[in-house]
Amino acid sequence: MGVVLLAAGGSSRLGHPKQLVVHQGQTLVRRAAEAALCLGGPVVVVLGAHKEAIASELTGLPVRTVAHSDWALGPGGSLAAGLAAMLATTDAPAAEAVLVMLCDQLRVDAAHLAALVAMWRSTGAPVVASEYDGTRGVPALFARSVFAELESLSPEQGARKVIAREPSRVATVLLPGGSEDVDTPLDLARLK
């Protein structure tokens, strides 16, 4: 099982790269990558805007970075690029599942990611999503049986489209405060 960490966005509403915002002594991108690495599988970080600065925050971590030139078209293309890169790594060509996550969800930690994997192992559900604020979203784990759906997302669509497609196949893990992210200056002020 591998992880695709989406860190390609331009942070237009924030005005500077949210991936580089420092929270609890670490940038958001490094914090998310370290949580992903706790799962023990390959981790692919998809970069786009500000790719050099964000990549430098991952120095020393055993992650693979992938630059996605069409990042501005939306998350679907970034997700597909990350999945392709993950499947191309020597330790993940036959991956049974992929966990998709963002770098700016403040309540996501290694324990939550492990809970998603444990739910998948215990239920065999094709999709295991985080549940927060009345919705199902990422981080979410997708079994190999739905990889084709992830690969066929249009650029403007995100993983939530696959999660919502067939609700009966989705298991969930509660993520209290899961909607807390860093998109605007107000969100950033709340962190401090």
N, C-alpha and C. Protein backbone atom coordinates (compact mmCIF):
# COMPACT_ATOMS: atom_id res chain seq x y z
N MET A 1 0.84 -1.18 0.00
CA MET A 1 0.00 0.00 0.00
C MET A 1 0.88 1.24 0.00
N GLY A 2 0.49 2.22 -0.80
CA GLY A 2 1.26 3.46 -0.86
C GLY A 2 0.40 4.65 -0.52
N VAL A 3 1.06 5.80 -0.44
CA VAL A 3 0.38 7.05 -0.12
C VAL A 3 0.68 8.06 -1.22
N VAL A 4 -0.35 8.78 -1.63
CA VAL A 4 -0.19 9.92 -2.54
C VAL A 4 -0.58 11.16 -1.74
N LEU A 5 0.39 12.03 -1.54
CA LEU A 5 0.20 13.28 -0.82
C LEU A 5 0.12 14.41 -1.83
N LEU A 6 -1.04 15.04 -1.90
CA LEU A 6 -1.26 16.13 -2.86
C LEU A 6 -0.80 17.45 -2.26
N ALA A 7 0.23 18.04 -2.88
CA ALA A 7 0.81 19.29 -2.39
C ALA A 7 1.12 20.22 -3.55
N ALA A 8 0.27 20.17 -4.58
CA ALA A 8 0.55 20.89 -5.82
C ALA A 8 -0.12 22.25 -5.93
N GLY A 9 -1.10 22.53 -5.12
CA GLY A 9 -1.92 23.73 -5.29
C GLY A 9 -1.17 25.04 -5.14
N GLY A 10 -1.76 26.08 -5.71
CA GLY A 10 -1.13 27.39 -5.72
C GLY A 10 -1.48 28.28 -4.55
N SER A 11 -2.40 27.84 -3.68
CA SER A 11 -2.78 28.59 -2.47
C SER A 11 -3.21 30.02 -2.79
N SER A 12 -4.01 30.19 -3.83
CA SER A 12 -4.38 31.53 -4.28
C SER A 12 -5.17 32.30 -3.23
N ARG A 13 -6.02 31.64 -2.47
CA ARG A 13 -6.81 32.34 -1.45
C ARG A 13 -5.95 32.77 -0.25
N LEU A 14 -4.88 32.03 0.01
CA LEU A 14 -4.01 32.37 1.13
C LEU A 14 -3.01 33.45 0.75
N GLY A 15 -2.54 33.42 -0.50
CA GLY A 15 -1.60 34.44 -0.95
C GLY A 15 -0.14 34.02 -0.90
N HIS A 16 0.15 32.89 -0.30
CA HIS A 16 1.50 32.30 -0.29
C HIS A 16 1.33 30.80 -0.06
N PRO A 17 2.37 30.00 -0.34
CA PRO A 17 2.20 28.54 -0.31
C PRO A 17 1.80 28.00 1.07
N LYS A 18 0.61 27.44 1.15
CA LYS A 18 0.18 26.88 2.42
C LYS A 18 1.02 25.67 2.81
N GLN A 19 1.60 25.00 1.82
CA GLN A 19 2.44 23.85 2.11
C GLN A 19 3.61 24.24 3.02
N LEU A 20 4.01 25.52 2.97
CA LEU A 20 5.16 25.99 3.73
C LEU A 20 4.78 26.68 5.04
N VAL A 21 3.49 26.72 5.35
CA VAL A 21 3.04 27.29 6.62
C VAL A 21 3.57 26.41 7.75
N VAL A 22 4.11 27.04 8.78
CA VAL A 22 4.65 26.29 9.92
C VAL A 22 3.56 26.12 10.97
N HIS A 23 3.37 24.88 11.39
CA HIS A 23 2.40 24.53 12.43
C HIS A 23 3.08 23.56 13.37
N GLN A 24 3.08 23.86 14.65
CA GLN A 24 3.72 23.01 15.65
C GLN A 24 5.17 22.71 15.28
N GLY A 25 5.87 23.74 14.79
CA GLY A 25 7.30 23.63 14.53
C GLY A 25 7.70 23.00 13.21
N GLN A 26 6.72 22.65 12.37
CA GLN A 26 7.03 22.03 11.07
C GLN A 26 6.16 22.64 9.99
N THR A 27 6.68 22.60 8.75
CA THR A 27 5.82 23.02 7.65
C THR A 27 4.74 21.97 7.47
N LEU A 28 3.61 22.40 6.93
CA LEU A 28 2.49 21.48 6.75
C LEU A 28 2.86 20.31 5.84
N VAL A 29 3.65 20.57 4.79
CA VAL A 29 4.00 19.49 3.87
C VAL A 29 4.90 18.46 4.53
N ARG A 30 5.86 18.92 5.31
CA ARG A 30 6.75 17.96 5.99
C ARG A 30 5.97 17.18 7.05
N ARG A 31 5.13 17.85 7.77
CA ARG A 31 4.31 17.20 8.81
C ARG A 31 3.46 16.09 8.19
N ALA A 32 2.81 16.38 7.06
CA ALA A 32 1.97 15.38 6.39
C ALA A 32 2.81 14.23 5.85
N ALA A 33 3.97 14.54 5.26
CA ALA A 33 4.83 13.49 4.71
C ALA A 33 5.33 12.56 5.81
N GLU A 34 5.70 13.12 6.94
CA GLU A 34 6.17 12.27 8.04
C GLU A 34 5.06 11.38 8.57
N ALA A 35 3.84 11.89 8.64
CA ALA A 35 2.70 11.06 9.05
C ALA A 35 2.50 9.92 8.06
N ALA A 36 2.58 10.23 6.77
CA ALA A 36 2.41 9.20 5.73
C ALA A 36 3.48 8.13 5.81
N LEU A 37 4.71 8.53 6.09
CA LEU A 37 5.82 7.58 6.17
C LEU A 37 5.64 6.58 7.30
N CYS A 38 4.88 6.93 8.33
CA CYS A 38 4.65 6.02 9.45
C CYS A 38 3.91 4.75 9.02
N LEU A 39 3.26 4.78 7.86
CA LEU A 39 2.55 3.60 7.38
C LEU A 39 3.48 2.55 6.80
N GLY A 40 4.71 2.95 6.47
CA GLY A 40 5.71 1.98 6.02
C GLY A 40 5.77 1.69 4.54
N GLY A 41 4.87 2.25 3.75
CA GLY A 41 4.89 2.01 2.31
C GLY A 41 5.48 3.19 1.57
N PRO A 42 5.53 3.11 0.25
CA PRO A 42 6.05 4.22 -0.54
C PRO A 42 5.14 5.45 -0.43
N VAL A 43 5.77 6.62 -0.41
CA VAL A 43 5.03 7.88 -0.33
C VAL A 43 5.44 8.74 -1.52
N VAL A 44 4.44 9.15 -2.29
CA VAL A 44 4.66 10.04 -3.44
C VAL A 44 4.03 11.38 -3.10
N VAL A 45 4.82 12.44 -3.25
CA VAL A 45 4.33 13.79 -3.01
C VAL A 45 4.22 14.50 -4.35
N VAL A 46 3.00 14.92 -4.70
CA VAL A 46 2.77 15.59 -5.97
C VAL A 46 2.95 17.09 -5.79
N LEU A 47 3.86 17.65 -6.57
CA LEU A 47 4.19 19.07 -6.49
C LEU A 47 3.73 19.78 -7.75
N GLY A 48 3.49 21.06 -7.63
CA GLY A 48 3.08 21.88 -8.77
C GLY A 48 3.61 23.28 -8.59
N ALA A 49 2.77 24.16 -8.04
CA ALA A 49 3.20 25.53 -7.76
C ALA A 49 4.30 25.51 -6.70
N HIS A 50 5.27 26.37 -6.84
CA HIS A 50 6.34 26.52 -5.84
C HIS A 50 7.06 25.21 -5.59
N LYS A 51 7.22 24.38 -6.63
CA LYS A 51 7.73 23.03 -6.43
C LYS A 51 9.12 22.96 -5.82
N GLU A 52 10.02 23.89 -6.18
CA GLU A 52 11.38 23.82 -5.64
C GLU A 52 11.37 24.11 -4.14
N ALA A 53 10.65 25.14 -3.72
CA ALA A 53 10.60 25.49 -2.30
C ALA A 53 9.95 24.37 -1.47
N ILE A 54 8.90 23.78 -2.01
CA ILE A 54 8.21 22.73 -1.28
C ILE A 54 9.06 21.47 -1.24
N ALA A 55 9.70 21.12 -2.35
CA ALA A 55 10.58 19.95 -2.38
C ALA A 55 11.71 20.08 -1.36
N SER A 56 12.22 21.29 -1.19
CA SER A 56 13.33 21.47 -0.24
C SER A 56 12.88 21.18 1.19
N GLU A 57 11.59 21.32 1.47
CA GLU A 57 11.06 21.00 2.81
C GLU A 57 11.02 19.50 3.07
N LEU A 58 11.18 18.72 2.03
CA LEU A 58 11.12 17.26 2.17
C LEU A 58 12.50 16.62 2.19
N THR A 59 13.54 17.45 2.17
CA THR A 59 14.92 16.95 2.16
C THR A 59 15.14 15.99 3.33
N GLY A 60 15.75 14.87 3.01
CA GLY A 60 16.06 13.87 4.04
C GLY A 60 14.96 12.86 4.28
N LEU A 61 13.80 13.08 3.72
CA LEU A 61 12.70 12.11 3.89
C LEU A 61 12.69 11.15 2.70
N PRO A 62 12.44 9.86 2.94
CA PRO A 62 12.41 8.88 1.84
C PRO A 62 11.09 8.91 1.07
N VAL A 63 10.81 10.05 0.46
CA VAL A 63 9.61 10.20 -0.35
C VAL A 63 10.03 10.43 -1.79
N ARG A 64 9.13 10.13 -2.69
CA ARG A 64 9.36 10.43 -4.11
C ARG A 64 8.52 11.66 -4.45
N THR A 65 9.15 12.65 -5.05
CA THR A 65 8.40 13.82 -5.48
C THR A 65 8.15 13.73 -6.98
N VAL A 66 6.97 14.19 -7.37
CA VAL A 66 6.58 14.19 -8.77
C VAL A 66 6.06 15.58 -9.10
N ALA A 67 6.64 16.20 -10.10
CA ALA A 67 6.16 17.52 -10.53
C ALA A 67 5.04 17.32 -11.53
N HIS A 68 3.90 17.93 -11.26
CA HIS A 68 2.74 17.84 -12.15
C HIS A 68 2.54 19.21 -12.81
N SER A 69 2.88 19.31 -14.07
CA SER A 69 2.87 20.61 -14.74
C SER A 69 1.47 21.19 -14.91
N ASP A 70 0.45 20.36 -14.95
CA ASP A 70 -0.93 20.85 -15.13
C ASP A 70 -1.68 20.96 -13.81
N TRP A 71 -0.96 21.20 -12.72
CA TRP A 71 -1.57 21.26 -11.40
C TRP A 71 -2.71 22.28 -11.31
N ALA A 72 -2.59 23.37 -12.06
CA ALA A 72 -3.58 24.45 -11.96
C ALA A 72 -4.95 24.04 -12.49
N LEU A 73 -5.04 22.96 -13.24
CA LEU A 73 -6.33 22.51 -13.77
C LEU A 73 -7.20 21.86 -12.71
N GLY A 74 -6.59 21.44 -11.60
CA GLY A 74 -7.37 20.86 -10.52
C GLY A 74 -6.76 19.61 -9.93
N PRO A 75 -7.37 19.11 -8.86
CA PRO A 75 -6.79 18.00 -8.12
C PRO A 75 -6.85 16.64 -8.81
N GLY A 76 -7.80 16.46 -9.72
CA GLY A 76 -7.92 15.15 -10.38
C GLY A 76 -6.68 14.76 -11.15
N GLY A 77 -6.11 15.70 -11.87
CA GLY A 77 -4.89 15.42 -12.62
C GLY A 77 -3.72 15.16 -11.70
N SER A 78 -3.63 15.90 -10.62
CA SER A 78 -2.55 15.69 -9.65
C SER A 78 -2.67 14.32 -9.01
N LEU A 79 -3.91 13.92 -8.69
CA LEU A 79 -4.12 12.60 -8.10
C LEU A 79 -3.72 11.50 -9.07
N ALA A 80 -4.12 11.63 -10.33
CA ALA A 80 -3.77 10.62 -11.33
C ALA A 80 -2.25 10.56 -11.53
N ALA A 81 -1.59 11.71 -11.54
CA ALA A 81 -0.13 11.73 -11.69
C ALA A 81 0.55 11.06 -10.50
N GLY A 82 0.03 11.32 -9.31
CA GLY A 82 0.60 10.70 -8.11
C GLY A 82 0.38 9.20 -8.08
N LEU A 83 -0.81 8.76 -8.47
CA LEU A 83 -1.09 7.32 -8.50
C LEU A 83 -0.19 6.63 -9.51
N ALA A 84 -0.02 7.21 -10.70
CA ALA A 84 0.86 6.61 -11.71
C ALA A 84 2.29 6.52 -11.20
N ALA A 85 2.76 7.56 -10.53
CA ALA A 85 4.11 7.55 -9.99
C ALA A 85 4.26 6.52 -8.88
N MET A 86 3.24 6.40 -8.05
CA MET A 86 3.30 5.42 -6.97
C MET A 86 3.35 4.00 -7.53
N LEU A 87 2.54 3.73 -8.55
CA LEU A 87 2.53 2.39 -9.14
C LEU A 87 3.81 2.09 -9.91
N ALA A 88 4.54 3.12 -10.29
CA ALA A 88 5.79 2.93 -11.01
C ALA A 88 6.99 2.71 -10.08
N THR A 89 6.81 2.91 -8.77
CA THR A 89 7.92 2.69 -7.85
C THR A 89 8.17 1.20 -7.72
N THR A 90 9.41 0.83 -7.51
CA THR A 90 9.77 -0.59 -7.47
C THR A 90 9.12 -1.32 -6.30
N ASP A 91 8.79 -0.61 -5.22
CA ASP A 91 8.19 -1.30 -4.09
C ASP A 91 6.67 -1.19 -4.05
N ALA A 92 6.04 -0.71 -5.14
CA ALA A 92 4.58 -0.61 -5.11
C ALA A 92 3.87 -0.95 -6.41
N PRO A 93 4.50 -1.65 -7.37
CA PRO A 93 3.79 -1.87 -8.63
C PRO A 93 2.52 -2.71 -8.48
N ALA A 94 2.46 -3.54 -7.45
CA ALA A 94 1.28 -4.37 -7.24
C ALA A 94 0.52 -3.93 -5.99
N ALA A 95 0.56 -2.65 -5.71
CA ALA A 95 -0.08 -2.13 -4.50
C ALA A 95 -1.55 -2.51 -4.44
N GLU A 96 -1.99 -2.94 -3.28
CA GLU A 96 -3.37 -3.33 -3.09
C GLU A 96 -4.28 -2.12 -2.84
N ALA A 97 -3.67 -1.02 -2.41
CA ALA A 97 -4.46 0.17 -2.08
C ALA A 97 -3.57 1.40 -2.12
N VAL A 98 -4.23 2.54 -2.22
CA VAL A 98 -3.52 3.82 -2.13
C VAL A 98 -4.29 4.71 -1.16
N LEU A 99 -3.55 5.40 -0.31
CA LEU A 99 -4.15 6.35 0.61
C LEU A 99 -3.87 7.74 0.04
N VAL A 100 -4.91 8.52 -0.15
CA VAL A 100 -4.79 9.87 -0.72
C VAL A 100 -4.99 10.88 0.39
N MET A 101 -4.06 11.82 0.49
CA MET A 101 -4.17 12.83 1.54
C MET A 101 -3.72 14.19 1.05
N LEU A 102 -4.12 15.22 1.79
CA LEU A 102 -3.72 16.59 1.52
C LEU A 102 -2.72 17.00 2.60
N CYS A 103 -2.00 18.09 2.37
CA CYS A 103 -1.02 18.50 3.36
C CYS A 103 -1.54 19.51 4.36
N ASP A 104 -2.75 20.02 4.17
CA ASP A 104 -3.19 21.12 5.03
C ASP A 104 -4.33 20.77 5.98
N GLN A 105 -4.62 19.51 6.17
CA GLN A 105 -5.66 19.12 7.13
C GLN A 105 -5.01 18.96 8.50
N LEU A 106 -5.28 19.90 9.37
CA LEU A 106 -4.54 20.01 10.63
C LEU A 106 -4.79 18.87 11.60
N ARG A 107 -5.92 18.20 11.51
CA ARG A 107 -6.25 17.13 12.45
C ARG A 107 -5.77 15.75 12.00
N VAL A 108 -5.18 15.68 10.83
CA VAL A 108 -4.71 14.39 10.33
C VAL A 108 -3.32 14.11 10.90
N ASP A 109 -3.18 12.93 11.48
CA ASP A 109 -1.89 12.51 12.00
C ASP A 109 -1.68 11.03 11.66
N ALA A 110 -0.55 10.50 12.07
CA ALA A 110 -0.22 9.10 11.75
C ALA A 110 -1.26 8.15 12.31
N ALA A 111 -1.80 8.45 13.49
CA ALA A 111 -2.80 7.56 14.10
C ALA A 111 -4.07 7.50 13.26
N HIS A 112 -4.49 8.63 12.71
CA HIS A 112 -5.68 8.61 11.88
C HIS A 112 -5.43 7.82 10.59
N LEU A 113 -4.27 8.02 9.98
CA LEU A 113 -3.95 7.28 8.76
C LEU A 113 -3.92 5.78 9.04
N ALA A 114 -3.35 5.39 10.18
CA ALA A 114 -3.31 3.97 10.55
C ALA A 114 -4.72 3.43 10.78
N ALA A 115 -5.61 4.26 11.32
CA ALA A 115 -7.00 3.83 11.54
C ALA A 115 -7.71 3.58 10.21
N LEU A 116 -7.42 4.39 9.20
CA LEU A 116 -8.00 4.16 7.87
C LEU A 116 -7.54 2.81 7.32
N VAL A 117 -6.25 2.52 7.46
CA VAL A 117 -5.71 1.24 6.98
C VAL A 117 -6.32 0.08 7.76
N ALA A 118 -6.43 0.21 9.07
CA ALA A 118 -7.01 -0.85 9.89
C ALA A 118 -8.46 -1.11 9.51
N MET A 119 -9.22 -0.06 9.24
CA MET A 119 -10.62 -0.22 8.82
C MET A 119 -10.69 -0.97 7.49
N TRP A 120 -9.80 -0.63 6.57
CA TRP A 120 -9.77 -1.31 5.28
C TRP A 120 -9.43 -2.79 5.46
N ARG A 121 -8.44 -3.06 6.28
CA ARG A 121 -8.04 -4.46 6.50
C ARG A 121 -9.16 -5.26 7.17
N SER A 122 -9.91 -4.63 8.07
CA SER A 122 -10.95 -5.38 8.79
C SER A 122 -12.24 -5.52 7.99
N THR A 123 -12.52 -4.56 7.09
CA THR A 123 -13.80 -4.61 6.36
C THR A 123 -13.65 -5.05 4.91
N GLY A 124 -12.47 -4.82 4.32
CA GLY A 124 -12.30 -5.10 2.90
C GLY A 124 -13.04 -4.13 2.01
N ALA A 125 -13.52 -3.02 2.58
CA ALA A 125 -14.27 -2.03 1.79
C ALA A 125 -13.40 -1.46 0.68
N PRO A 126 -13.95 -1.27 -0.51
CA PRO A 126 -13.17 -0.69 -1.61
C PRO A 126 -12.70 0.73 -1.33
N VAL A 127 -13.46 1.45 -0.50
CA VAL A 127 -13.12 2.83 -0.15
C VAL A 127 -13.29 3.00 1.35
N VAL A 128 -12.28 3.59 1.98
CA VAL A 128 -12.38 3.96 3.40
C VAL A 128 -12.08 5.45 3.47
N ALA A 129 -13.08 6.23 3.87
CA ALA A 129 -12.96 7.68 3.87
C ALA A 129 -13.00 8.23 5.29
N SER A 130 -12.46 9.41 5.44
CA SER A 130 -12.59 10.13 6.71
C SER A 130 -13.97 10.78 6.73
N GLU A 131 -14.60 10.77 7.90
CA GLU A 131 -15.92 11.38 8.04
C GLU A 131 -15.82 12.55 9.00
N TYR A 132 -16.26 13.71 8.53
CA TYR A 132 -16.23 14.91 9.36
C TYR A 132 -17.25 15.91 8.84
N ASP A 133 -17.85 16.63 9.78
CA ASP A 133 -18.81 17.68 9.45
C ASP A 133 -19.88 17.23 8.46
N GLY A 134 -20.39 16.02 8.65
CA GLY A 134 -21.46 15.52 7.82
C GLY A 134 -21.07 15.12 6.41
N THR A 135 -19.79 14.95 6.16
CA THR A 135 -19.35 14.57 4.82
C THR A 135 -18.29 13.48 4.90
N ARG A 136 -18.01 12.89 3.76
CA ARG A 136 -16.94 11.89 3.65
C ARG A 136 -15.90 12.45 2.69
N GLY A 137 -14.66 12.38 3.10
CA GLY A 137 -13.62 12.95 2.24
C GLY A 137 -12.26 12.36 2.54
N VAL A 138 -11.25 13.09 2.11
CA VAL A 138 -9.87 12.67 2.33
C VAL A 138 -9.41 13.16 3.70
N PRO A 139 -8.41 12.50 4.26
CA PRO A 139 -7.71 11.37 3.69
C PRO A 139 -8.64 10.17 3.52
N ALA A 140 -8.39 9.46 2.45
CA ALA A 140 -9.20 8.28 2.14
C ALA A 140 -8.32 7.22 1.50
N LEU A 141 -8.70 5.98 1.73
CA LEU A 141 -7.97 4.85 1.17
C LEU A 141 -8.83 4.22 0.08
N PHE A 142 -8.18 3.91 -1.03
CA PHE A 142 -8.87 3.33 -2.19
C PHE A 142 -8.20 2.01 -2.54
N ALA A 143 -9.00 0.95 -2.60
CA ALA A 143 -8.48 -0.37 -2.99
C ALA A 143 -8.19 -0.38 -4.49
N ARG A 144 -7.37 -1.33 -4.90
CA ARG A 144 -6.98 -1.44 -6.31
C ARG A 144 -8.19 -1.50 -7.23
N SER A 145 -9.29 -2.06 -6.76
CA SER A 145 -10.49 -2.20 -7.60
C SER A 145 -11.07 -0.86 -8.04
N VAL A 146 -10.69 0.24 -7.38
CA VAL A 146 -11.19 1.56 -7.80
C VAL A 146 -10.09 2.46 -8.36
N PHE A 147 -8.89 1.90 -8.59
CA PHE A 147 -7.81 2.71 -9.17
C PHE A 147 -8.23 3.32 -10.51
N ALA A 148 -8.93 2.54 -11.34
CA ALA A 148 -9.33 3.05 -12.65
C ALA A 148 -10.23 4.28 -12.52
N GLU A 149 -11.06 4.31 -11.49
CA GLU A 149 -11.92 5.48 -11.27
C GLU A 149 -11.09 6.70 -10.90
N LEU A 150 -10.06 6.50 -10.09
CA LEU A 150 -9.18 7.61 -9.73
C LEU A 150 -8.43 8.12 -10.96
N GLU A 151 -7.96 7.19 -11.78
CA GLU A 151 -7.19 7.56 -12.97
C GLU A 151 -8.05 8.30 -14.00
N SER A 152 -9.36 8.06 -13.99
CA SER A 152 -10.22 8.67 -15.00
C SER A 152 -10.90 9.96 -14.53
N LEU A 153 -10.56 10.44 -13.36
CA LEU A 153 -11.13 11.71 -12.90
C LEU A 153 -10.73 12.83 -13.86
N SER A 154 -11.64 13.73 -14.12
CA SER A 154 -11.26 14.90 -14.90
C SER A 154 -10.42 15.80 -14.00
N PRO A 155 -9.61 16.69 -14.57
CA PRO A 155 -8.71 17.49 -13.75
C PRO A 155 -9.38 18.26 -12.62
N GLU A 156 -10.59 18.78 -12.87
CA GLU A 156 -11.23 19.60 -11.84
C GLU A 156 -11.89 18.79 -10.74
N GLN A 157 -12.00 17.48 -10.91
CA GLN A 157 -12.63 16.62 -9.90
C GLN A 157 -11.59 16.13 -8.90
N GLY A 158 -12.02 15.89 -7.69
CA GLY A 158 -11.14 15.35 -6.68
C GLY A 158 -11.59 13.96 -6.26
N ALA A 159 -10.91 13.39 -5.28
CA ALA A 159 -11.20 12.05 -4.80
C ALA A 159 -12.62 11.93 -4.25
N ARG A 160 -13.19 13.04 -3.81
CA ARG A 160 -14.54 13.00 -3.25
C ARG A 160 -15.56 12.49 -4.27
N LYS A 161 -15.31 12.70 -5.54
CA LYS A 161 -16.20 12.21 -6.61
C LYS A 161 -16.26 10.68 -6.56
N VAL A 162 -15.12 10.03 -6.37
CA VAL A 162 -15.07 8.56 -6.30
C VAL A 162 -15.72 8.09 -5.00
N ILE A 163 -15.49 8.82 -3.92
CA ILE A 163 -16.08 8.44 -2.63
C ILE A 163 -17.61 8.49 -2.72
N ALA A 164 -18.14 9.51 -3.37
CA ALA A 164 -19.60 9.71 -3.43
C ALA A 164 -20.29 8.83 -4.47
N ARG A 165 -19.54 8.27 -5.40
CA ARG A 165 -20.14 7.53 -6.52
C ARG A 165 -21.05 6.40 -6.06
N GLU A 166 -20.61 5.63 -5.08
CA GLU A 166 -21.40 4.48 -4.62
C GLU A 166 -21.25 4.38 -3.10
N PRO A 167 -22.07 5.10 -2.35
CA PRO A 167 -21.92 5.19 -0.89
C PRO A 167 -21.90 3.84 -0.17
N SER A 168 -22.57 2.84 -0.71
CA SER A 168 -22.64 1.55 -0.01
C SER A 168 -21.30 0.84 0.06
N ARG A 169 -20.34 1.23 -0.76
CA ARG A 169 -19.04 0.57 -0.74
C ARG A 169 -18.02 1.29 0.14
N VAL A 170 -18.46 2.33 0.83
CA VAL A 170 -17.55 3.17 1.61
C VAL A 170 -17.68 2.89 3.10
N ALA A 171 -16.55 2.57 3.72
CA ALA A 171 -16.46 2.52 5.19
C ALA A 171 -15.86 3.84 5.64
N THR A 172 -16.15 4.24 6.87
CA THR A 172 -15.65 5.53 7.33
C THR A 172 -14.93 5.43 8.67
N VAL A 173 -14.05 6.40 8.88
CA VAL A 173 -13.37 6.58 10.16
C VAL A 173 -13.59 8.04 10.55
N LEU A 174 -14.10 8.27 11.74
CA LEU A 174 -14.36 9.63 12.19
C LEU A 174 -13.07 10.43 12.32
N LEU A 175 -13.14 11.66 11.89
CA LEU A 175 -12.01 12.59 12.00
C LEU A 175 -12.55 13.90 12.59
N PRO A 176 -12.65 13.98 13.91
CA PRO A 176 -13.15 15.22 14.52
C PRO A 176 -12.30 16.42 14.08
N GLY A 177 -12.98 17.48 13.65
CA GLY A 177 -12.27 18.67 13.19
C GLY A 177 -11.62 18.52 11.83
N GLY A 178 -12.02 17.51 11.08
CA GLY A 178 -11.39 17.22 9.80
C GLY A 178 -11.48 18.32 8.77
N SER A 179 -12.43 19.21 8.93
CA SER A 179 -12.55 20.28 7.95
C SER A 179 -11.63 21.46 8.25
N GLU A 180 -10.91 21.41 9.36
CA GLU A 180 -9.96 22.48 9.68
C GLU A 180 -8.76 22.38 8.76
N ASP A 181 -8.63 23.35 7.88
CA ASP A 181 -7.50 23.37 6.97
C ASP A 181 -7.00 24.80 6.85
N VAL A 182 -6.05 25.01 5.96
CA VAL A 182 -5.44 26.33 5.80
C VAL A 182 -5.65 26.78 4.37
N ASP A 183 -6.74 27.53 4.13
CA ASP A 183 -7.04 28.03 2.80
C ASP A 183 -7.00 29.55 2.70
N THR A 184 -7.24 30.23 3.81
CA THR A 184 -7.37 31.68 3.78
C THR A 184 -6.52 32.32 4.89
N PRO A 185 -6.29 33.63 4.82
CA PRO A 185 -5.58 34.31 5.91
C PRO A 185 -6.27 34.12 7.26
N LEU A 186 -7.61 34.04 7.25
CA LEU A 186 -8.35 33.80 8.50
C LEU A 186 -8.01 32.44 9.09
N ASP A 187 -7.92 31.42 8.24
CA ASP A 187 -7.50 30.10 8.71
C ASP A 187 -6.12 30.15 9.33
N LEU A 188 -5.23 30.88 8.70
CA LEU A 188 -3.86 31.00 9.18
C LEU A 188 -3.84 31.73 10.52
N ALA A 189 -4.63 32.77 10.66
CA ALA A 189 -4.69 33.51 11.92
C ALA A 189 -5.19 32.62 13.04
N ARG A 190 -6.10 31.72 12.72
CA ARG A 190 -6.65 30.80 13.73
C ARG A 190 -5.56 29.86 14.27
N LEU A 191 -4.57 29.55 13.45
CA LEU A 191 -3.48 28.68 13.88
C LEU A 191 -2.63 29.30 14.97
N LYS A 192 -2.54 30.63 14.96
CA LYS A 192 -1.57 31.32 15.83
C LYS A 192 -2.12 31.70 17.17
